C-alpha cells in the first residue's frame, strides 16, 4: 500500500513538472533582435530617461488599428548617450507566417514621449530575417 502511494506521488510530481515546462519557451524558440536607437538632436539624456523598444504585429483594418505587442524591452538610460544599444528577446512561436511586424522605439522622461521612430521599422517574418537594427528617432 505504501509503495502504491509513493508511485502515485511520483506520478503527480512528474505530471506537474511536465505541465509547467510546456509554458516555458525553449532556447530554440527564443529569437533576439538587437541594435541601437539614436537621434540627431544635441540633447543629453538624463539618467531617468526610459528607452522602450517593442516588436508588434502590424494591425489590419479588421483590428481597428489595435497592435498586438509580441515583445517589449524597457530600460533606463542611466547616463548612456545615443546611440544606445538594445536587445529584444521574443518567442518565435508567437510569430505568424504571412504577417507583417514592426519595431517601435521611443524615449520617455516621466511618462512623456520625447523621441520616437517615425515611421516605424517594418520586418518580414519566415523566419525573422532581420536580427540587427539601427533605429533613428525624431523629436516628438
N, C-alpha and C. Protein backbone atom coordinates (compact mmCIF):
# COMPACT_ATOMS: atom_id res chain seq x y z
N UNK A 1 0.82 -1.19 0.00
CA UNK A 1 0.00 0.00 0.00
C UNK A 1 0.87 1.27 0.00
N UNK A 2 1.93 1.25 0.85
CA UNK A 2 2.82 2.41 0.89
C UNK A 2 3.50 2.61 -0.46
N UNK A 3 3.85 1.51 -1.09
CA UNK A 3 4.53 1.57 -2.38
C UNK A 3 3.64 2.22 -3.45
N UNK A 4 2.35 1.91 -3.44
CA UNK A 4 1.45 2.50 -4.44
C UNK A 4 1.25 3.99 -4.18
N UNK A 5 1.24 4.42 -2.92
CA UNK A 5 1.14 5.85 -2.61
C UNK A 5 2.40 6.59 -3.07
N UNK A 6 3.55 5.96 -2.90
CA UNK A 6 4.81 6.56 -3.34
C UNK A 6 4.81 6.73 -4.86
N UNK A 7 4.38 5.70 -5.59
CA UNK A 7 4.32 5.80 -7.04
C UNK A 7 3.30 6.84 -7.50
N UNK A 8 2.20 6.92 -6.78
CA UNK A 8 1.18 7.93 -7.10
C UNK A 8 1.76 9.33 -6.91
N UNK A 9 2.51 9.53 -5.83
CA UNK A 9 3.15 10.83 -5.58
C UNK A 9 4.16 11.18 -6.66
N UNK A 10 4.96 10.21 -7.07
CA UNK A 10 5.94 10.43 -8.14
C UNK A 10 5.23 10.78 -9.44
N UNK A 11 4.13 10.11 -9.73
CA UNK A 11 3.36 10.39 -10.93
C UNK A 11 2.81 11.81 -10.92
N UNK A 12 2.27 12.24 -9.79
CA UNK A 12 1.73 13.60 -9.67
C UNK A 12 2.83 14.63 -9.88
N UNK A 13 3.98 14.44 -9.25
CA UNK A 13 5.10 15.38 -9.41
C UNK A 13 5.54 15.43 -10.88
N UNK A 14 5.63 14.28 -11.53
CA UNK A 14 6.04 14.23 -12.94
C UNK A 14 5.03 14.97 -13.82
N UNK A 15 3.75 14.80 -13.55
CA UNK A 15 2.72 15.50 -14.32
C UNK A 15 2.79 17.00 -14.13
N UNK A 16 3.02 17.44 -12.91
CA UNK A 16 3.12 18.88 -12.63
C UNK A 16 4.33 19.47 -13.35
N UNK A 17 5.46 18.80 -13.28
CA UNK A 17 6.67 19.29 -13.95
C UNK A 17 6.46 19.35 -15.46
N UNK A 18 5.87 18.32 -16.03
CA UNK A 18 5.61 18.29 -17.47
C UNK A 18 4.66 19.41 -17.87
N UNK A 19 3.62 19.63 -17.10
CA UNK A 19 2.65 20.68 -17.42
C UNK A 19 3.30 22.05 -17.36
N UNK A 20 4.15 22.29 -16.39
CA UNK A 20 4.79 23.60 -16.24
C UNK A 20 5.82 23.87 -17.33
N UNK A 21 6.53 22.87 -17.77
CA UNK A 21 7.57 23.10 -18.77
C UNK A 21 7.01 23.41 -20.14
N UNK A 22 5.78 23.07 -20.42
CA UNK A 22 5.19 23.39 -21.73
C UNK A 22 4.98 24.88 -21.91
N UNK A 23 4.90 25.64 -20.83
CA UNK A 23 4.65 27.07 -20.92
C UNK A 23 5.93 27.88 -21.02
N UNK A 24 7.07 27.26 -20.80
CA UNK A 24 8.34 27.98 -20.84
C UNK A 24 8.97 27.79 -22.22
N UNK A 25 9.34 28.89 -22.88
CA UNK A 25 9.95 28.74 -24.20
C UNK A 25 11.34 28.11 -24.09
N UNK A 26 11.67 27.29 -25.05
CA UNK A 26 13.00 26.69 -25.09
C UNK A 26 13.96 27.67 -25.76
N UNK A 27 15.25 27.40 -25.64
CA UNK A 27 16.24 28.27 -26.26
C UNK A 27 16.04 28.37 -27.77
N UNK A 28 15.62 27.28 -28.40
CA UNK A 28 15.43 27.30 -29.85
C UNK A 28 14.18 28.09 -30.24
N UNK A 29 13.29 28.36 -29.29
CA UNK A 29 12.07 29.11 -29.57
C UNK A 29 12.23 30.60 -29.25
N UNK A 30 13.40 31.00 -28.77
CA UNK A 30 13.63 32.40 -28.43
C UNK A 30 14.49 33.05 -29.50
N UNK A 31 13.97 34.13 -30.08
CA UNK A 31 14.72 34.90 -31.06
C UNK A 31 15.22 36.18 -30.42
N UNK A 32 16.23 36.77 -31.01
CA UNK A 32 16.81 38.00 -30.47
C UNK A 32 16.93 39.04 -31.57
N UNK A 33 16.48 40.23 -31.27
CA UNK A 33 16.60 41.37 -32.15
C UNK A 33 17.44 42.39 -31.39
N UNK A 34 18.55 42.82 -31.96
CA UNK A 34 19.40 43.79 -31.27
C UNK A 34 19.67 44.96 -32.19
N UNK A 35 20.21 46.02 -31.61
CA UNK A 35 20.53 47.19 -32.41
C UNK A 35 20.77 48.40 -31.54
N UNK A 36 20.57 49.57 -32.14
CA UNK A 36 20.76 50.83 -31.41
C UNK A 36 19.60 51.77 -31.71
N UNK A 37 19.35 52.66 -30.79
CA UNK A 37 18.43 53.78 -31.02
C UNK A 37 19.28 55.06 -30.90
N UNK A 38 19.01 56.01 -31.78
CA UNK A 38 19.77 57.26 -31.75
C UNK A 38 18.90 58.39 -32.29
N UNK A 39 19.36 59.62 -32.06
CA UNK A 39 18.69 60.79 -32.60
C UNK A 39 19.76 61.81 -32.95
N UNK A 40 19.41 62.77 -33.80
CA UNK A 40 20.39 63.75 -34.29
C UNK A 40 20.49 64.98 -33.41
N UNK A 41 19.45 65.29 -32.66
CA UNK A 41 19.46 66.50 -31.84
C UNK A 41 20.58 66.42 -30.80
N UNK A 42 21.10 67.56 -30.43
CA UNK A 42 22.15 67.61 -29.41
C UNK A 42 21.48 67.79 -28.05
N UNK A 43 20.91 66.72 -27.57
CA UNK A 43 20.22 66.70 -26.29
C UNK A 43 20.83 65.59 -25.45
N UNK A 44 21.21 65.93 -24.22
CA UNK A 44 21.77 64.94 -23.32
C UNK A 44 20.63 64.23 -22.61
N UNK A 45 20.65 62.91 -22.62
CA UNK A 45 19.62 62.14 -21.93
C UNK A 45 19.88 62.16 -20.43
N UNK A 46 18.86 62.48 -19.63
CA UNK A 46 19.04 62.37 -18.18
C UNK A 46 19.05 60.90 -17.76
N UNK A 47 19.53 60.63 -16.57
CA UNK A 47 19.61 59.26 -16.07
C UNK A 47 18.26 58.56 -16.04
N UNK A 48 17.18 59.31 -15.81
CA UNK A 48 15.85 58.69 -15.69
C UNK A 48 15.13 58.55 -17.03
N UNK A 49 15.81 58.82 -18.14
CA UNK A 49 15.19 58.62 -19.45
C UNK A 49 14.96 57.12 -19.66
N UNK A 50 13.75 56.76 -20.05
CA UNK A 50 13.39 55.36 -20.28
C UNK A 50 13.35 55.09 -21.77
N UNK A 51 14.08 54.06 -22.20
CA UNK A 51 14.11 53.64 -23.59
C UNK A 51 13.23 52.39 -23.71
N UNK A 52 12.28 52.43 -24.64
CA UNK A 52 11.33 51.34 -24.82
C UNK A 52 11.38 50.88 -26.27
N UNK A 53 11.64 49.60 -26.47
CA UNK A 53 11.66 49.01 -27.81
C UNK A 53 10.64 47.87 -27.83
N UNK A 54 9.75 47.88 -28.82
CA UNK A 54 8.67 46.88 -28.90
C UNK A 54 8.63 46.24 -30.28
N UNK A 55 8.35 44.95 -30.29
CA UNK A 55 8.05 44.22 -31.53
C UNK A 55 6.55 44.00 -31.53
N UNK A 56 5.85 44.56 -32.52
CA UNK A 56 4.39 44.46 -32.55
C UNK A 56 3.94 43.88 -33.88
N UNK A 57 2.79 43.21 -33.82
CA UNK A 57 2.16 42.68 -35.03
C UNK A 57 1.46 43.83 -35.73
N UNK A 58 1.68 43.96 -37.03
CA UNK A 58 1.07 45.04 -37.81
C UNK A 58 -0.44 44.90 -37.75
N UNK A 59 -1.12 45.97 -37.40
CA UNK A 59 -2.58 45.91 -37.30
C UNK A 59 -3.19 45.92 -38.70
N UNK A 60 -4.40 45.39 -38.77
CA UNK A 60 -5.15 45.37 -40.03
C UNK A 60 -6.40 46.21 -39.85
N UNK A 61 -7.10 46.43 -40.95
CA UNK A 61 -8.36 47.19 -40.88
C UNK A 61 -9.34 46.51 -39.93
N UNK A 62 -9.36 45.18 -39.93
CA UNK A 62 -10.30 44.44 -39.08
C UNK A 62 -9.99 44.62 -37.60
N UNK A 63 -8.72 44.91 -37.28
CA UNK A 63 -8.33 45.09 -35.88
C UNK A 63 -8.67 46.48 -35.35
N UNK A 64 -9.15 47.35 -36.22
CA UNK A 64 -9.47 48.73 -35.86
C UNK A 64 -8.25 49.46 -35.31
N UNK A 65 -7.08 49.20 -35.90
CA UNK A 65 -5.88 49.92 -35.52
C UNK A 65 -5.17 49.40 -34.29
N UNK A 66 -5.66 48.34 -33.67
CA UNK A 66 -5.02 47.81 -32.47
C UNK A 66 -3.81 46.97 -32.86
N UNK A 67 -2.69 47.20 -32.19
CA UNK A 67 -1.48 46.43 -32.45
C UNK A 67 -1.23 45.48 -31.30
N UNK A 68 -0.88 44.26 -31.63
CA UNK A 68 -0.59 43.25 -30.61
C UNK A 68 0.91 43.27 -30.33
N UNK A 69 1.28 43.50 -29.07
CA UNK A 69 2.68 43.53 -28.68
C UNK A 69 3.17 42.10 -28.53
N UNK A 70 4.20 41.74 -29.29
CA UNK A 70 4.80 40.41 -29.23
C UNK A 70 5.86 40.39 -28.13
N UNK A 71 6.66 41.45 -28.06
CA UNK A 71 7.71 41.54 -27.05
C UNK A 71 8.04 43.01 -26.82
N UNK A 72 8.48 43.32 -25.61
CA UNK A 72 8.85 44.70 -25.28
C UNK A 72 9.99 44.68 -24.28
N UNK A 73 10.94 45.60 -24.48
CA UNK A 73 12.05 45.75 -23.53
C UNK A 73 12.14 47.22 -23.16
N UNK A 74 12.18 47.49 -21.87
CA UNK A 74 12.23 48.85 -21.36
C UNK A 74 13.38 48.94 -20.36
N UNK A 75 14.19 49.99 -20.48
CA UNK A 75 15.31 50.16 -19.56
C UNK A 75 15.66 51.64 -19.43
N UNK A 76 16.33 51.99 -18.33
CA UNK A 76 16.74 53.36 -18.08
C UNK A 76 18.06 53.65 -18.78
N UNK A 77 18.23 54.89 -19.23
CA UNK A 77 19.46 55.30 -19.91
C UNK A 77 20.64 55.27 -18.94
N UNK A 78 20.42 55.66 -17.70
CA UNK A 78 21.45 55.66 -16.65
C UNK A 78 22.76 56.25 -17.14
N UNK A 79 22.68 57.43 -17.76
CA UNK A 79 23.87 58.14 -18.20
C UNK A 79 24.35 57.80 -19.60
N UNK A 80 23.83 56.73 -20.18
CA UNK A 80 24.25 56.35 -21.53
C UNK A 80 23.66 57.34 -22.54
N UNK A 81 24.44 57.67 -23.55
CA UNK A 81 24.01 58.62 -24.58
C UNK A 81 23.94 57.91 -25.93
N UNK A 82 23.10 58.44 -26.85
CA UNK A 82 22.94 57.81 -28.16
C UNK A 82 24.25 57.74 -28.93
N UNK A 83 24.42 56.67 -29.70
CA UNK A 83 23.48 55.57 -29.89
C UNK A 83 23.47 54.63 -28.69
N UNK A 84 22.26 54.25 -28.27
CA UNK A 84 22.07 53.36 -27.12
C UNK A 84 21.73 51.97 -27.64
N UNK A 85 22.48 50.98 -27.19
CA UNK A 85 22.27 49.60 -27.63
C UNK A 85 21.07 48.98 -26.91
N UNK A 86 20.36 48.11 -27.62
CA UNK A 86 19.25 47.37 -27.01
C UNK A 86 19.28 45.92 -27.49
N UNK A 87 18.66 45.06 -26.72
CA UNK A 87 18.45 43.67 -27.10
C UNK A 87 17.00 43.33 -26.76
N UNK A 88 16.28 42.79 -27.72
CA UNK A 88 14.88 42.46 -27.54
C UNK A 88 14.69 40.97 -27.83
N UNK A 89 14.34 40.21 -26.82
CA UNK A 89 14.07 38.78 -26.99
C UNK A 89 12.58 38.58 -27.24
N UNK A 90 12.24 37.61 -28.06
CA UNK A 90 10.84 37.31 -28.37
C UNK A 90 10.69 35.81 -28.55
N UNK A 91 9.46 35.34 -28.39
CA UNK A 91 9.16 33.92 -28.57
C UNK A 91 8.77 33.71 -30.03
N UNK A 92 9.56 32.92 -30.74
CA UNK A 92 9.34 32.70 -32.18
C UNK A 92 7.97 32.10 -32.48
N UNK A 93 7.47 31.26 -31.59
CA UNK A 93 6.18 30.60 -31.85
C UNK A 93 5.01 31.59 -31.80
N UNK A 94 5.23 32.80 -31.30
CA UNK A 94 4.17 33.81 -31.30
C UNK A 94 4.04 34.50 -32.65
N UNK A 95 5.03 34.29 -33.53
CA UNK A 95 5.01 34.92 -34.85
C UNK A 95 4.23 34.06 -35.83
N UNK A 96 3.44 34.72 -36.67
CA UNK A 96 2.62 34.02 -37.65
C UNK A 96 3.18 34.24 -39.05
N UNK A 97 3.14 33.19 -39.88
CA UNK A 97 3.59 33.37 -41.27
C UNK A 97 2.67 34.35 -42.00
N UNK A 98 3.20 34.99 -43.01
CA UNK A 98 2.44 35.93 -43.84
C UNK A 98 1.86 37.09 -43.03
N UNK A 99 2.55 37.47 -41.97
CA UNK A 99 2.12 38.60 -41.14
C UNK A 99 3.25 39.60 -41.09
N UNK A 100 2.90 40.88 -41.14
CA UNK A 100 3.91 41.93 -41.08
C UNK A 100 4.09 42.37 -39.63
N UNK A 101 5.33 42.55 -39.23
CA UNK A 101 5.65 43.00 -37.89
C UNK A 101 6.43 44.30 -37.99
N UNK A 102 6.42 45.08 -36.93
CA UNK A 102 7.18 46.32 -36.93
C UNK A 102 7.83 46.53 -35.57
N UNK A 103 8.86 47.33 -35.58
CA UNK A 103 9.56 47.67 -34.35
C UNK A 103 9.27 49.12 -34.03
N UNK A 104 8.85 49.36 -32.81
CA UNK A 104 8.57 50.72 -32.34
C UNK A 104 9.57 51.03 -31.23
N UNK A 105 10.24 52.16 -31.35
CA UNK A 105 11.19 52.58 -30.32
C UNK A 105 10.84 53.99 -29.88
N UNK A 106 11.01 54.25 -28.60
CA UNK A 106 10.76 55.60 -28.09
C UNK A 106 11.59 55.84 -26.84
N UNK A 107 11.77 57.12 -26.54
CA UNK A 107 12.45 57.53 -25.31
C UNK A 107 11.48 58.42 -24.55
N UNK A 108 11.26 58.07 -23.29
CA UNK A 108 10.34 58.81 -22.43
C UNK A 108 11.07 59.37 -21.22
N UNK A 109 10.58 60.50 -20.74
CA UNK A 109 11.02 61.03 -19.45
C UNK A 109 9.76 61.36 -18.68
N UNK A 110 9.62 60.77 -17.50
CA UNK A 110 8.43 60.96 -16.66
C UNK A 110 7.15 60.68 -17.44
N UNK A 111 7.12 59.57 -18.17
CA UNK A 111 5.97 59.12 -18.96
C UNK A 111 5.60 60.04 -20.12
N UNK A 112 6.47 60.97 -20.47
CA UNK A 112 6.24 61.84 -21.62
C UNK A 112 7.21 61.43 -22.73
N UNK A 113 6.65 61.15 -23.91
CA UNK A 113 7.48 60.71 -25.04
C UNK A 113 8.23 61.91 -25.61
N UNK A 114 9.57 61.81 -25.64
CA UNK A 114 10.40 62.86 -26.22
C UNK A 114 10.84 62.53 -27.64
N UNK A 115 11.17 61.26 -27.87
CA UNK A 115 11.63 60.81 -29.18
C UNK A 115 10.92 59.51 -29.55
N UNK A 116 10.64 59.35 -30.84
CA UNK A 116 10.10 58.08 -31.33
C UNK A 116 10.53 57.88 -32.77
N UNK A 117 10.44 56.64 -33.24
CA UNK A 117 10.80 56.40 -34.64
C UNK A 117 9.56 56.60 -35.50
N UNK A 118 9.70 57.48 -36.48
CA UNK A 118 8.64 57.79 -37.43
C UNK A 118 9.23 57.72 -38.81
N UNK A 119 8.86 56.85 -39.67
CA UNK A 119 7.90 55.78 -39.46
C UNK A 119 8.53 54.63 -38.70
N UNK A 120 7.68 53.71 -38.28
CA UNK A 120 8.18 52.52 -37.59
C UNK A 120 8.91 51.64 -38.59
N UNK A 121 9.70 50.72 -38.08
CA UNK A 121 10.51 49.83 -38.92
C UNK A 121 9.74 48.54 -39.17
N UNK A 122 9.40 48.28 -40.44
CA UNK A 122 8.67 47.05 -40.79
C UNK A 122 9.64 45.89 -40.96
N UNK A 123 9.21 44.72 -40.50
CA UNK A 123 10.01 43.50 -40.61
C UNK A 123 9.16 42.41 -41.22
N UNK A 124 9.78 41.57 -42.03
CA UNK A 124 9.07 40.40 -42.52
C UNK A 124 9.54 39.18 -41.75
N UNK A 125 8.64 38.25 -41.56
CA UNK A 125 8.93 37.05 -40.79
C UNK A 125 8.95 35.87 -41.76
N UNK A 126 9.46 34.77 -41.39
CA UNK A 126 9.54 33.49 -42.12
C UNK A 126 10.96 33.13 -42.40
N UNK A 127 11.77 32.84 -41.51
CA UNK A 127 11.76 33.33 -40.14
C UNK A 127 12.16 34.79 -40.12
N UNK A 128 12.15 35.38 -38.95
CA UNK A 128 12.55 36.78 -38.83
C UNK A 128 13.99 36.90 -39.32
N UNK A 129 14.15 37.50 -40.48
CA UNK A 129 15.48 37.56 -41.09
C UNK A 129 16.32 38.69 -40.51
N UNK A 130 15.69 39.75 -40.08
CA UNK A 130 16.42 40.87 -39.52
C UNK A 130 16.76 40.57 -38.07
N UNK A 131 18.02 40.68 -37.72
CA UNK A 131 18.42 40.44 -36.33
C UNK A 131 19.11 41.66 -35.73
N UNK A 132 19.46 42.66 -36.57
CA UNK A 132 20.11 43.87 -36.07
C UNK A 132 19.47 45.08 -36.75
N UNK A 133 19.12 46.08 -35.95
CA UNK A 133 18.50 47.30 -36.47
C UNK A 133 19.15 48.51 -35.83
N UNK A 134 19.42 49.53 -36.62
CA UNK A 134 19.81 50.84 -36.10
C UNK A 134 18.62 51.75 -36.35
N UNK A 135 17.97 52.18 -35.27
CA UNK A 135 16.70 52.89 -35.37
C UNK A 135 16.90 54.37 -35.10
N UNK A 136 16.69 55.22 -36.12
CA UNK A 136 16.77 56.66 -35.90
C UNK A 136 15.46 57.17 -35.28
N UNK A 137 15.58 58.01 -34.28
CA UNK A 137 14.42 58.59 -33.61
C UNK A 137 14.33 60.07 -33.96
N UNK A 138 13.10 60.60 -33.92
CA UNK A 138 12.88 62.03 -34.14
C UNK A 138 12.19 62.61 -32.92
N UNK A 139 12.42 63.89 -32.70
CA UNK A 139 11.80 64.57 -31.56
C UNK A 139 10.29 64.67 -31.78
N UNK A 140 9.54 64.39 -30.74
CA UNK A 140 8.08 64.41 -30.83
C UNK A 140 7.57 65.80 -30.50
